[in-house]
Amino acid sequence: MTPWLTGANADALLYDRTFGGVVTTDGLRDSGADYGNGRYNDHHFHYGYFVYALAAVRRFDPAFIDAHATAIAMLIGDIGTPLDRDTAFFSNLPALDYFPTARHKDWFVGHSYASGLFLINDGKSQESSSESVNAYYALSLFASLDGDAKNAYVHFARVLLALEMRATKKYWHMPEGTPVYEPAFAANAMVGVVGDMTVVYNTWFSNSSVMIHGINLMPVTPISSQLLPQPFVAQQYAVVRDAANALPHDDIWKSLMVMDLAIVDAEAAWQALTTEISAFDPWNSRANALYWVATRPSWRKRVPPFLPSPANNQCFGAPACGVAGANGTPLGCCNTLPGCCPSGLGCCPPRERPSPPPLNVCFGEPQCAALGLGCCSSAQGCCEPDLVTGIVLGCCKPKSRRPSTPAPAPTGVSDPATCQRQPRCAALGLDCCSSPQGCCQPNPLTGMVLDCCDAVPQTPTPAPQTTTIAPQTPTPSDSDCPSIENNMDFSGPDVGAKQSKTAEGCCAICRAHAGCKAFSWNDYNGGTGRWGC
């Protein structure tokens, strides 16, 4: 590690001030060198191996870490900079000022992206989910030696690790019956590359099943026992068994497949490892492989071979269609994507009814929103009492209303159930349907008409004289109509301003509207105001 931490090797690590990261010398000069390192491709994959080694060194030689603390903090910071600038280990080092937080992590999907700055038609992607897990596992191991203080970096590192583990099991691992992928694709058990727009059973370098699975198994470390549970591996190894057995003894992928086998059958893996394997990948060694196989629980209880359930692998999302054919056989549509459903077939699950509107629509009046009323898009909503009549729509939640004297039913008008010849409003059960005027007279202040009204409303029969909503008051003198322009509540558009430019004229208009006590407007001489009448 010393040459990498001191810059003594030929391909020294450098700090890139343009994008804020640690890159190799060759990678900075050539975008294709070092797997695209200079363009931030696979940083967490590769630096994860460095940090894993540094965690082991820190356990046994903390003085080495102290001697190279700044360089180590830069390496860790490139892939795992925390949010909190006071995080232990980093608190006395300047590294946090040079990097973005958790460079590769997508906090929404949970997993990381490895593709760096390269443009890809189908969006960002990641291939080796297991190397991504290893990166955050390495950060957790290194940080675990800081202690468990409230500001310890290990807490942030464990969040990175937990999210990556969960996302890997959801989007890369395809256990039988997964709700994420169709059975025809899920039969592969392991996704090769997950991208923004595509999910493929392939790798950037090969379409071999051994390599597709292997790149999502390596490296094998203690965290692999959490990442690769026995039930899943029983299914996953069955997919690659024949291809793995056909590999020559000096193929580095064969040693990895034997370590995969050890999860479900340690005895068979030990036999193969000690008699057939002669080559190991740079991340691996014979000692590491022997330790892994020797410590697997399958020594005590071998996991039975995986036997797929045909019915469960048929008709994604509609298992009933998998037995709906003649003599309990699958329907023909079960063998093609996207399957048989949704459709009119009786074996398809019933379609869910549309969800009710959120409770906060139409300013907290969802029943009005469901009616599609035009007032729902206005700032006042639909449930303020009418300024003239005091009427509140029937779709509104119960609230205290302006007292009124019910009008007697006029003679010669239609049944109130038809809402004065407006049956669509009557069907909504609006309060205004029981009034002689019905619901479809334009609002005298806004001119608004409810959406349930016919395009050309029927002219209602004139109603007999009724008691006014508010008691009449003595006609005031002009001095009783002062302008009140401070701390007022706006309640309507400017109708009167077009007819009067004086307080006296405004009050006259106010009194003409059902004996109201005040009249308010906006945009009168460039402002808002209210006349008290």
Protein backbone atom coordinates (compact mmCIF):
# COMPACT_ATOMS: atom_id res chain seq x y z
CA MET A 1 0.00 0.00 0.00
CA THR A 2 2.87 2.41 0.68
CA PRO A 3 3.64 3.27 -2.99
CA TRP A 4 -0.03 4.10 -3.61
CA LEU A 5 -0.26 6.28 -0.51
CA THR A 6 2.98 8.14 -1.19
CA GLY A 7 2.74 8.47 -4.99
CA ALA A 8 5.89 6.43 -5.51
CA ASN A 9 4.41 4.07 -8.11
CA ALA A 10 4.44 4.84 -11.86
CA ASP A 11 0.65 5.17 -12.07
CA ALA A 12 0.37 7.49 -9.08
CA LEU A 13 -2.91 8.65 -7.64
CA LEU A 14 -3.69 12.33 -8.25
CA TYR A 15 -6.36 14.78 -7.17
CA ASP A 16 -8.51 16.01 -10.04
CA ARG A 17 -9.57 19.59 -9.29
CA THR A 18 -12.06 19.68 -12.18
CA PHE A 19 -14.48 17.09 -10.82
CA GLY A 20 -13.16 16.70 -7.29
CA GLY A 21 -11.80 13.18 -7.09
CA VAL A 22 -8.79 10.90 -6.79
CA VAL A 23 -7.76 9.45 -10.16
CA THR A 24 -4.80 7.56 -11.57
CA THR A 25 -2.15 9.29 -13.66
CA ASP A 26 -2.81 7.04 -16.65
CA GLY A 27 -6.56 7.37 -16.25
CA LEU A 28 -6.37 11.15 -16.31
CA ARG A 29 -4.38 11.09 -19.56
CA ASP A 30 -6.38 8.36 -21.28
CA SER A 31 -10.12 7.92 -20.71
CA GLY A 32 -9.85 4.22 -21.57
CA ALA A 33 -6.98 3.44 -19.18
CA ASP A 34 -7.48 1.76 -15.82
CA TYR A 35 -11.09 0.83 -16.64
CA GLY A 36 -12.00 4.48 -17.16
CA ASN A 37 -10.67 5.58 -13.78
CA GLY A 38 -9.92 9.09 -15.02
CA ARG A 39 -13.60 9.48 -15.88
CA TYR A 40 -14.70 8.16 -12.46
CA ASN A 41 -15.77 4.74 -13.71
CA ASP A 42 -15.71 1.94 -11.10
CA HIS A 43 -14.00 4.03 -8.41
CA HIS A 44 -15.84 2.35 -5.54
CA PHE A 45 -15.12 -1.11 -7.01
CA HIS A 46 -11.37 -0.51 -7.14
CA TYR A 47 -10.83 1.70 -4.12
CA GLY A 48 -12.92 -0.71 -2.07
CA TYR A 49 -10.08 -3.23 -2.32
CA PHE A 50 -7.61 -0.61 -1.07
CA VAL A 51 -9.81 0.32 1.88
CA TYR A 52 -10.41 -3.34 2.76
CA ALA A 53 -6.64 -3.86 2.95
CA LEU A 54 -6.22 -0.68 4.99
CA ALA A 55 -8.88 -1.87 7.45
CA ALA A 56 -6.85 -5.05 8.05
CA VAL A 57 -3.66 -3.01 8.47
CA ARG A 58 -5.39 -0.66 10.88
CA ARG A 59 -6.45 -3.59 13.03
CA PHE A 60 -2.86 -4.72 13.57
CA ASP A 61 -0.72 -1.64 12.81
CA PRO A 62 -2.57 1.59 13.66
CA ALA A 63 0.71 3.51 13.52
CA PHE A 64 0.85 2.94 9.77
CA ILE A 65 -2.59 4.50 9.40
CA ASP A 66 -1.57 7.50 11.49
CA ALA A 67 1.51 8.01 9.32
CA HIS A 68 -0.57 8.11 6.12
CA ALA A 69 -3.81 9.52 7.51
CA THR A 70 -4.22 12.34 4.99
CA ALA A 71 -3.72 10.12 1.94
CA ILE A 72 -6.06 7.48 3.38
CA ALA A 73 -8.71 10.09 4.12
CA MET A 74 -8.50 11.26 0.50
CA LEU A 75 -8.92 7.70 -0.78
CA ILE A 76 -11.89 7.01 1.50
CA GLY A 77 -13.37 10.43 0.82
CA ASP A 78 -13.46 9.83 -2.93
CA ILE A 79 -16.10 7.10 -2.56
CA GLY A 80 -17.54 7.63 0.92
CA THR A 81 -17.48 11.25 2.04
CA PRO A 82 -20.06 11.62 4.83
CA LEU A 83 -22.62 14.36 5.28
CA ASP A 84 -21.39 15.43 8.72
CA ARG A 85 -18.20 17.46 8.62
CA ASP A 86 -17.55 16.58 12.28
CA THR A 87 -17.40 12.84 11.63
CA ALA A 88 -14.64 11.11 13.58
CA PHE A 89 -11.42 10.27 11.67
CA PHE A 90 -12.19 13.08 9.21
CA SER A 91 -12.69 15.81 11.82
CA ASN A 92 -9.03 16.88 11.85
CA LEU A 93 -8.39 16.25 8.14
CA PRO A 94 -9.21 18.51 5.20
CA ALA A 95 -10.38 15.69 2.92
CA LEU A 96 -14.09 16.39 3.27
CA ASP A 97 -13.69 19.74 1.51
CA TYR A 98 -12.60 18.07 -1.71
CA PHE A 99 -15.32 15.52 -2.54
CA PRO A 100 -19.07 15.17 -3.07
CA THR A 101 -21.02 13.15 -0.53
CA ALA A 102 -21.05 9.39 -1.33
CA ARG A 103 -20.05 9.94 -4.96
CA HIS A 104 -21.56 6.80 -6.51
CA LYS A 105 -24.64 6.32 -4.32
CA ASP A 106 -28.15 6.94 -5.63
CA TRP A 107 -30.15 7.50 -2.45
CA PHE A 108 -33.50 6.96 -4.16
CA VAL A 109 -32.89 3.49 -5.64
CA GLY A 110 -30.51 2.51 -2.85
CA HIS A 111 -27.71 1.12 -4.99
CA SER A 112 -24.72 2.81 -6.59
CA TYR A 113 -23.90 3.59 -10.21
CA ALA A 114 -20.46 2.74 -11.53
CA SER A 115 -20.44 4.35 -14.98
CA GLY A 116 -18.90 7.67 -13.96
CA LEU A 117 -18.87 10.47 -16.53
CA PHE A 118 -19.28 8.26 -19.59
CA LEU A 119 -22.39 8.88 -21.68
CA ILE A 120 -24.53 5.76 -22.06
CA ASN A 121 -27.65 5.60 -24.22
CA ASP A 122 -29.64 3.73 -21.59
CA GLY A 123 -28.50 5.85 -18.68
CA LYS A 124 -26.19 5.17 -15.76
CA SER A 125 -25.54 1.56 -14.82
CA GLN A 126 -23.71 -0.80 -12.51
CA GLU A 127 -22.40 -4.27 -13.21
CA SER A 128 -20.68 -5.79 -10.17
CA SER A 129 -23.14 -5.41 -7.32
CA SER A 130 -20.92 -7.49 -5.05
CA GLU A 131 -17.89 -5.25 -5.54
CA SER A 132 -20.08 -2.28 -4.69
CA VAL A 133 -21.15 -4.02 -1.48
CA ASN A 134 -17.49 -4.77 -0.78
CA ALA A 135 -16.61 -1.07 -1.04
CA TYR A 136 -19.07 -0.03 1.67
CA TYR A 137 -18.23 -3.11 3.74
CA ALA A 138 -14.59 -2.00 3.63
CA LEU A 139 -15.55 1.49 4.78
CA SER A 140 -17.52 -0.04 7.66
CA LEU A 141 -14.62 -2.26 8.70
CA PHE A 142 -12.14 0.60 8.62
CA ALA A 143 -14.46 2.93 10.53
CA SER A 144 -15.41 0.30 13.11
CA LEU A 145 -12.00 0.86 14.72
CA ASP A 146 -12.94 4.47 15.52
CA GLY A 147 -15.26 3.30 18.27
CA ASP A 148 -19.00 3.77 18.55
CA ALA A 149 -19.23 7.46 19.42
CA LYS A 150 -22.23 9.45 18.22
CA ASN A 151 -20.16 11.10 15.49
CA ALA A 152 -18.28 7.94 14.46
CA TYR A 153 -17.94 7.49 10.70
CA VAL A 154 -19.00 3.86 11.04
CA HIS A 155 -22.68 4.86 11.33
CA PHE A 156 -22.65 6.54 7.93
CA ALA A 157 -20.65 3.68 6.40
CA ARG A 158 -23.19 1.15 7.66
CA VAL A 159 -26.02 3.10 6.07
CA LEU A 160 -24.19 2.97 2.74
CA LEU A 161 -23.66 -0.76 3.18
CA ALA A 162 -27.22 -1.57 4.25
CA LEU A 163 -28.76 0.29 1.31
CA GLU A 164 -26.42 -1.42 -1.16
CA MET A 165 -27.16 -4.87 0.27
CA ARG A 166 -30.90 -4.33 0.14
CA ALA A 167 -30.86 -2.97 -3.42
CA THR A 168 -28.61 -5.79 -4.63
CA LYS A 169 -30.98 -8.43 -3.30
CA LYS A 170 -33.93 -6.63 -4.87
CA TYR A 171 -32.59 -5.72 -8.32
CA TRP A 172 -29.70 -8.13 -9.02
CA HIS A 173 -30.85 -11.30 -7.27
CA MET A 174 -33.87 -13.00 -8.81
CA PRO A 175 -35.14 -15.67 -6.40
CA GLU A 176 -38.03 -17.85 -7.47
CA GLY A 177 -41.27 -15.92 -7.35
CA THR A 178 -39.65 -12.48 -7.44
CA PRO A 179 -42.27 -9.77 -8.01
CA VAL A 180 -39.73 -7.59 -9.85
CA TYR A 181 -38.97 -9.60 -13.00
CA GLU A 182 -40.93 -11.86 -15.34
CA PRO A 183 -40.30 -15.60 -14.89
CA ALA A 184 -38.70 -15.95 -18.33
CA PHE A 185 -35.98 -13.49 -17.28
CA ALA A 186 -35.92 -14.39 -13.58
CA ALA A 187 -35.01 -17.98 -14.49
CA ASN A 188 -31.44 -16.67 -14.93
CA ALA A 189 -31.34 -16.02 -11.14
CA MET A 190 -28.78 -13.20 -11.44
CA VAL A 191 -28.94 -9.89 -13.30
CA GLY A 192 -25.77 -8.94 -15.14
CA VAL A 193 -26.09 -5.16 -15.38
CA VAL A 194 -28.74 -2.87 -13.88
CA GLY A 195 -29.16 0.47 -15.63
CA ASP A 196 -31.54 3.39 -15.59
CA MET A 197 -33.43 2.12 -18.63
CA THR A 198 -32.34 -1.50 -19.04
CA VAL A 199 -31.72 -4.65 -17.03
CA VAL A 200 -29.72 -7.30 -18.89
CA TYR A 201 -28.40 -10.82 -18.44
CA ASN A 202 -24.97 -9.93 -19.75
CA THR A 203 -21.76 -8.15 -18.77
CA TRP A 204 -19.66 -5.46 -20.40
CA PHE A 205 -17.06 -8.08 -21.28
CA SER A 206 -18.86 -11.42 -21.76
CA ASN A 207 -22.20 -13.19 -22.12
CA SER A 208 -20.95 -16.30 -20.30
CA SER A 209 -23.28 -17.36 -17.49
CA VAL A 210 -20.26 -18.07 -15.26
CA MET A 211 -18.96 -14.53 -15.70
CA ILE A 212 -22.40 -12.92 -15.37
CA HIS A 213 -22.87 -14.67 -12.03
CA GLY A 214 -19.23 -14.47 -11.01
CA ILE A 215 -18.90 -10.71 -11.40
CA ASN A 216 -21.79 -10.39 -8.94
CA LEU A 217 -20.22 -12.81 -6.43
CA MET A 218 -16.68 -11.44 -6.17
CA PRO A 219 -14.86 -10.77 -3.94
CA VAL A 220 -15.73 -13.45 -1.41
CA THR A 221 -15.28 -12.01 2.09
CA PRO A 222 -17.15 -12.40 5.40
CA ILE A 223 -19.94 -10.08 4.19
CA SER A 224 -20.65 -12.56 1.37
CA SER A 225 -22.45 -14.81 3.86
CA GLN A 226 -25.00 -12.01 4.35
CA LEU A 227 -25.20 -11.10 0.67
CA LEU A 228 -25.62 -14.68 -0.57
CA PRO A 229 -28.12 -16.64 1.57
CA GLN A 230 -28.32 -20.40 1.08
CA PRO A 231 -31.83 -20.59 -0.44
CA PHE A 232 -30.92 -18.10 -3.14
CA VAL A 233 -27.56 -19.71 -3.91
CA ALA A 234 -29.22 -23.12 -4.24
CA GLN A 235 -31.26 -21.69 -7.11
CA GLN A 236 -28.48 -19.49 -8.48
CA TYR A 237 -25.78 -22.18 -8.56
CA ALA A 238 -28.12 -24.57 -10.38
CA VAL A 239 -28.12 -22.13 -13.31
CA VAL A 240 -24.31 -22.17 -13.71
CA ARG A 241 -23.49 -25.69 -12.49
CA ASP A 242 -22.93 -27.26 -15.90
CA ALA A 243 -20.94 -24.30 -17.25
CA ALA A 244 -18.81 -24.18 -14.08
CA ASN A 245 -18.03 -27.89 -14.21
CA ALA A 246 -16.87 -27.52 -17.81
CA LEU A 247 -14.21 -24.91 -16.96
CA PRO A 248 -10.54 -26.03 -16.99
CA HIS A 249 -8.73 -26.30 -13.64
CA ASP A 250 -6.52 -23.28 -14.42
CA ASP A 251 -9.42 -20.90 -15.09
CA ILE A 252 -9.67 -18.29 -12.32
CA TRP A 253 -13.47 -18.31 -12.64
CA LYS A 254 -13.56 -21.98 -11.64
CA SER A 255 -12.15 -21.24 -8.18
CA LEU A 256 -14.87 -18.63 -7.68
CA MET A 257 -17.57 -21.10 -8.72
CA VAL A 258 -16.24 -23.60 -6.19
CA MET A 259 -16.52 -20.97 -3.45
CA ASP A 260 -20.10 -20.35 -4.60
CA LEU A 261 -20.81 -24.09 -4.38
CA ALA A 262 -19.46 -24.15 -0.81
CA ILE A 263 -22.45 -22.14 0.39
CA VAL A 264 -24.75 -25.09 -0.32
CA ASP A 265 -22.32 -28.06 -0.36
CA ALA A 266 -19.04 -27.39 1.45
CA GLU A 267 -17.87 -30.98 1.28
CA ALA A 268 -18.08 -31.11 -2.52
CA ALA A 269 -16.43 -27.69 -2.75
CA TRP A 270 -13.55 -28.77 -0.52
CA GLN A 271 -12.98 -31.83 -2.66
CA ALA A 272 -12.86 -29.72 -5.83
CA LEU A 273 -10.69 -27.02 -4.26
CA THR A 274 -8.04 -29.46 -3.03
CA THR A 275 -7.88 -31.60 -6.16
CA GLU A 276 -8.97 -29.56 -9.19
CA ILE A 277 -8.24 -25.86 -8.68
CA SER A 278 -4.90 -24.32 -9.61
CA ALA A 279 -5.63 -20.64 -10.40
CA PHE A 280 -7.06 -17.73 -8.44
CA ASP A 281 -8.10 -14.17 -9.25
CA PRO A 282 -5.88 -11.35 -7.84
CA TRP A 283 -8.46 -10.58 -5.12
CA ASN A 284 -8.38 -14.24 -4.06
CA SER A 285 -5.87 -16.83 -2.85
CA ARG A 286 -5.84 -20.50 -1.99
CA ALA A 287 -5.72 -19.62 1.72
CA ASN A 288 -8.75 -17.34 1.39
CA ALA A 289 -10.67 -19.99 -0.56
CA LEU A 290 -9.82 -22.77 1.90
CA TYR A 291 -10.86 -20.62 4.87
CA TRP A 292 -14.16 -19.74 3.19
CA VAL A 293 -15.04 -23.34 2.34
CA ALA A 294 -13.95 -24.65 5.75
CA THR A 295 -16.22 -22.22 7.62
CA ARG A 296 -19.45 -22.75 5.66
CA PRO A 297 -22.52 -23.97 7.59
CA SER A 298 -23.28 -26.45 4.79
CA TRP A 299 -20.68 -28.77 6.34
CA ARG A 300 -23.26 -29.47 9.02
CA LYS A 301 -26.31 -29.47 6.80
CA ARG A 302 -26.04 -29.74 3.06
CA VAL A 303 -28.65 -27.74 1.15
CA PRO A 304 -30.74 -29.96 -1.16
CA PRO A 305 -30.48 -29.32 -4.91
CA PHE A 306 -32.84 -26.67 -6.19
CA LEU A 307 -35.94 -27.98 -7.93
CA PRO A 308 -37.91 -25.26 -9.72
CA SER A 309 -41.67 -25.13 -9.35
CA PRO A 310 -43.08 -24.94 -12.88
CA ALA A 311 -46.42 -23.49 -11.80
CA ASN A 312 -44.70 -20.66 -9.94
CA ASN A 313 -42.59 -19.82 -12.96
CA GLN A 314 -45.57 -19.46 -15.27
CA CYS A 315 -47.65 -16.42 -16.04
CA PHE A 316 -45.89 -13.62 -14.20
CA GLY A 317 -48.30 -12.00 -11.78
CA ALA A 318 -51.14 -14.43 -12.55
CA PRO A 319 -50.33 -17.98 -11.34
CA ALA A 320 -53.95 -19.03 -11.86
CA CYS A 321 -53.38 -18.74 -15.62
CA GLY A 322 -50.52 -21.22 -15.23
CA VAL A 323 -53.04 -23.99 -14.55
CA ALA A 324 -56.01 -22.66 -16.52
CA GLY A 325 -55.32 -24.64 -19.70
CA ALA A 326 -56.49 -28.12 -20.65
CA ASN A 327 -55.92 -30.64 -17.87
CA GLY A 328 -54.33 -28.01 -15.65
CA THR A 329 -51.65 -26.95 -18.14
CA PRO A 330 -50.53 -23.33 -18.62
CA LEU A 331 -52.29 -21.15 -21.15
CA GLY A 332 -50.30 -20.38 -24.27
CA CYS A 333 -49.87 -16.74 -23.28
CA CYS A 334 -47.97 -17.85 -20.18
CA ASN A 335 -44.93 -18.69 -22.29
CA THR A 336 -44.49 -15.23 -23.78
CA LEU A 337 -43.94 -11.82 -22.30
CA PRO A 338 -45.69 -9.95 -20.82
CA GLY A 339 -47.85 -12.97 -19.97
CA CYS A 340 -51.64 -13.22 -19.94
CA CYS A 341 -52.68 -10.28 -17.81
CA PRO A 342 -54.15 -7.75 -17.60
CA SER A 343 -56.90 -8.99 -19.89
CA GLY A 344 -60.45 -10.26 -19.76
CA LEU A 345 -59.33 -13.80 -18.91
CA GLY A 346 -60.99 -15.16 -15.80
CA CYS A 347 -57.65 -16.30 -14.40
CA CYS A 348 -56.34 -12.73 -14.25
CA PRO A 349 -56.55 -10.92 -10.92
CA PRO A 350 -59.28 -8.26 -10.80
CA ARG A 351 -58.15 -4.81 -11.68
CA GLU A 352 -57.91 -2.45 -8.76
CA ARG A 353 -60.32 0.42 -8.62
CA PRO A 354 -58.80 3.88 -8.97
CA SER A 355 -57.59 5.27 -5.70
CA PRO A 356 -59.68 8.05 -4.16
CA PRO A 357 -58.26 11.54 -4.54
CA PRO A 358 -55.84 12.66 -1.82
CA LEU A 359 -57.45 14.30 1.18
CA ASN A 360 -55.69 17.60 0.50
CA VAL A 361 -57.03 18.20 -3.03
CA CYS A 362 -59.31 21.12 -3.69
CA PHE A 363 -57.93 22.79 -0.58
CA GLY A 364 -58.93 19.91 1.68
CA GLU A 365 -62.29 19.17 0.07
CA PRO A 366 -61.72 15.90 -1.87
CA GLN A 367 -65.43 15.28 -2.47
CA CYS A 368 -65.62 18.51 -4.42
CA ALA A 369 -62.47 17.56 -6.33
CA ALA A 370 -64.11 14.29 -7.38
CA LEU A 371 -66.91 16.31 -9.01
CA GLY A 372 -64.47 18.18 -11.23
CA LEU A 373 -65.70 21.60 -10.18
CA GLY A 374 -63.94 24.57 -11.68
CA CYS A 375 -63.61 26.29 -8.32
CA CYS A 376 -61.21 23.58 -7.12
CA SER A 377 -58.41 25.23 -9.06
CA SER A 378 -58.94 28.64 -7.51
CA ALA A 379 -57.14 29.94 -4.47
CA GLN A 380 -60.38 30.15 -2.47
CA GLY A 381 -61.46 26.59 -3.30
CA CYS A 382 -65.13 25.65 -3.43
CA CYS A 383 -66.27 25.81 0.18
CA GLU A 384 -66.45 29.46 1.12
CA PRO A 385 -70.10 30.51 1.66
CA ASP A 386 -71.53 32.49 -1.22
CA LEU A 387 -71.14 36.19 -0.39
CA VAL A 388 -74.72 36.99 -1.36
CA THR A 389 -76.76 33.88 -0.56
CA GLY A 390 -74.58 32.21 2.07
CA ILE A 391 -74.99 28.88 0.22
CA VAL A 392 -72.29 26.24 0.66
CA LEU A 393 -71.95 23.36 -1.81
CA GLY A 394 -73.16 19.97 -0.62
CA CYS A 395 -69.80 18.35 -1.37
CA CYS A 396 -68.11 20.45 1.33
CA LYS A 397 -67.31 19.20 4.79
CA PRO A 398 -69.81 20.31 7.47
CA LYS A 399 -68.99 23.67 8.95
CA SER A 400 -70.83 26.57 10.53
CA ARG A 401 -72.81 28.36 7.88
CA ARG A 402 -74.35 31.76 7.61
CA PRO A 403 -77.87 31.62 9.09
CA SER A 404 -80.68 31.99 6.61
CA THR A 405 -84.45 31.82 6.52
CA PRO A 406 -85.62 28.93 4.32
CA ALA A 407 -87.66 30.09 1.36
CA PRO A 408 -91.08 28.54 0.85
CA ALA A 409 -91.37 26.27 -2.14
CA PRO A 410 -92.64 28.40 -5.04
CA THR A 411 -95.57 27.34 -7.10
CA GLY A 412 -95.06 26.30 -10.65
CA VAL A 413 -91.44 25.30 -10.31
CA SER A 414 -90.08 21.86 -10.96
CA ASP A 415 -89.51 19.26 -8.25
CA PRO A 416 -86.47 20.24 -6.12
CA ALA A 417 -85.05 16.76 -6.82
CA THR A 418 -84.30 17.97 -10.34
CA CYS A 419 -82.58 21.06 -8.96
CA GLN A 420 -84.70 23.50 -11.01
CA ARG A 421 -84.29 21.51 -14.23
CA GLN A 422 -80.59 20.83 -13.62
CA PRO A 423 -80.56 17.05 -12.98
CA ARG A 424 -76.77 16.77 -12.95
CA CYS A 425 -76.56 19.16 -10.02
CA ALA A 426 -79.44 17.34 -8.33
CA ALA A 427 -77.53 14.07 -8.63
CA LEU A 428 -74.67 15.64 -6.67
CA GLY A 429 -76.92 16.46 -3.71
CA LEU A 430 -75.87 20.10 -3.56
CA ASP A 431 -77.51 22.31 -0.92
CA CYS A 432 -78.45 24.92 -3.47
CA CYS A 433 -80.77 22.43 -5.18
CA SER A 434 -83.40 23.03 -2.51
CA SER A 435 -83.47 26.78 -3.04
CA PRO A 436 -85.86 28.46 -5.50
CA GLN A 437 -82.97 29.86 -7.51
CA GLY A 438 -81.32 26.44 -7.96
CA CYS A 439 -77.59 26.16 -8.43
CA CYS A 440 -77.03 27.62 -11.86
CA GLN A 441 -77.42 31.36 -11.46
CA PRO A 442 -74.03 33.03 -12.05
CA ASN A 443 -72.40 34.22 -8.86
CA PRO A 444 -73.11 37.98 -8.71
CA LEU A 445 -69.55 38.75 -7.70
CA THR A 446 -67.49 36.25 -9.71
CA GLY A 447 -69.80 35.28 -12.53
CA MET A 448 -68.86 31.62 -11.90
CA VAL A 449 -71.30 28.83 -12.76
CA LEU A 450 -70.95 25.28 -11.41
CA ASP A 451 -69.68 22.64 -13.82
CA CYS A 452 -72.79 20.51 -13.29
CA CYS A 453 -74.98 23.16 -14.91
CA ASP A 454 -76.18 22.88 -18.49
CA ALA A 455 -74.50 25.12 -21.03
CA VAL A 456 -77.68 27.21 -21.30
CA PRO A 457 -79.45 27.01 -17.93
CA GLN A 458 -83.24 26.95 -17.88
CA THR A 459 -84.82 30.15 -16.62
CA PRO A 460 -86.29 29.39 -13.20
CA THR A 461 -89.78 30.51 -12.27
CA PRO A 462 -89.59 33.74 -10.26
CA ALA A 463 -89.66 33.04 -6.56
CA PRO A 464 -91.98 34.88 -4.16
CA GLN A 465 -90.56 37.56 -1.93
CA THR A 466 -88.49 35.99 0.87
CA THR A 467 -86.74 37.25 3.97
CA THR A 468 -83.28 38.59 3.17
CA ILE A 469 -80.19 36.74 4.37
CA ALA A 470 -79.03 39.69 6.48
CA PRO A 471 -81.34 42.24 8.14
CA GLN A 472 -81.69 45.58 6.44
CA THR A 473 -79.97 48.47 8.14
CA PRO A 474 -80.88 52.14 7.99
CA THR A 475 -79.53 53.90 4.97
CA PRO A 476 -76.33 55.55 6.15
CA SER A 477 -75.04 58.94 5.18
CA ASP A 478 -72.01 59.29 2.98
CA SER A 479 -69.90 59.87 6.07
CA ASP A 480 -70.79 56.34 7.18
CA CYS A 481 -68.93 54.89 4.19
CA PRO A 482 -65.26 55.38 5.05
CA SER A 483 -62.52 53.55 3.23
CA ILE A 484 -60.99 50.72 5.31
CA GLU A 485 -57.83 49.57 3.57
CA ASN A 486 -55.69 48.07 6.34
CA ASN A 487 -55.86 44.55 7.77
CA MET A 488 -58.90 43.59 5.67
CA ASP A 489 -59.84 40.18 4.28
CA PHE A 490 -60.12 40.07 0.51
CA SER A 491 -63.31 38.32 -0.53
CA GLY A 492 -64.01 39.01 -4.20
CA PRO A 493 -63.03 40.73 -7.47
CA ASP A 494 -63.70 44.35 -8.24
CA VAL A 495 -67.24 44.61 -9.58
CA GLY A 496 -68.10 48.02 -8.21
CA ALA A 497 -65.00 49.85 -9.37
CA LYS A 498 -66.20 49.68 -12.95
CA GLN A 499 -69.43 51.44 -11.94
CA SER A 500 -68.28 53.87 -9.29
CA LYS A 501 -65.11 55.68 -8.35
CA THR A 502 -66.41 57.09 -5.05
CA ALA A 503 -67.17 55.70 -1.63
CA GLU A 504 -70.78 56.84 -1.94
CA GLY A 505 -71.21 55.05 -5.24
CA CYS A 506 -69.62 51.92 -3.87
CA CYS A 507 -71.99 51.86 -0.91
CA ALA A 508 -74.95 52.29 -3.23
CA ILE A 509 -73.86 49.25 -5.18
CA CYS A 510 -73.27 47.39 -1.93
CA ARG A 511 -76.78 48.11 -0.66
CA ALA A 512 -78.23 46.97 -3.97
CA HIS A 513 -76.76 43.50 -3.51
CA ALA A 514 -79.16 41.84 -1.08
CA GLY A 515 -78.53 44.40 1.64
CA CYS A 516 -74.92 43.50 2.29
CA LYS A 517 -73.03 45.39 4.98
CA ALA A 518 -69.73 45.77 3.15
CA PHE A 519 -68.22 45.50 -0.29
CA SER A 520 -64.65 44.51 -1.06
CA TRP A 521 -62.56 44.34 -4.21
CA ASN A 522 -59.08 44.05 -5.61
CA ASP A 523 -57.16 46.06 -8.20
CA TYR A 524 -58.97 49.28 -7.33
CA ASN A 525 -56.58 52.10 -8.15
CA GLY A 526 -53.73 49.61 -7.96
CA GLY A 527 -54.55 48.19 -4.54
CA THR A 528 -57.11 46.42 -2.41
CA GLY A 529 -59.69 47.82 -0.06
CA ARG A 530 -63.11 47.56 1.52
CA TRP A 531 -65.98 49.99 2.01
CA GLY A 532 -67.99 49.74 5.20
CA CYS A 533 -71.58 50.64 4.33
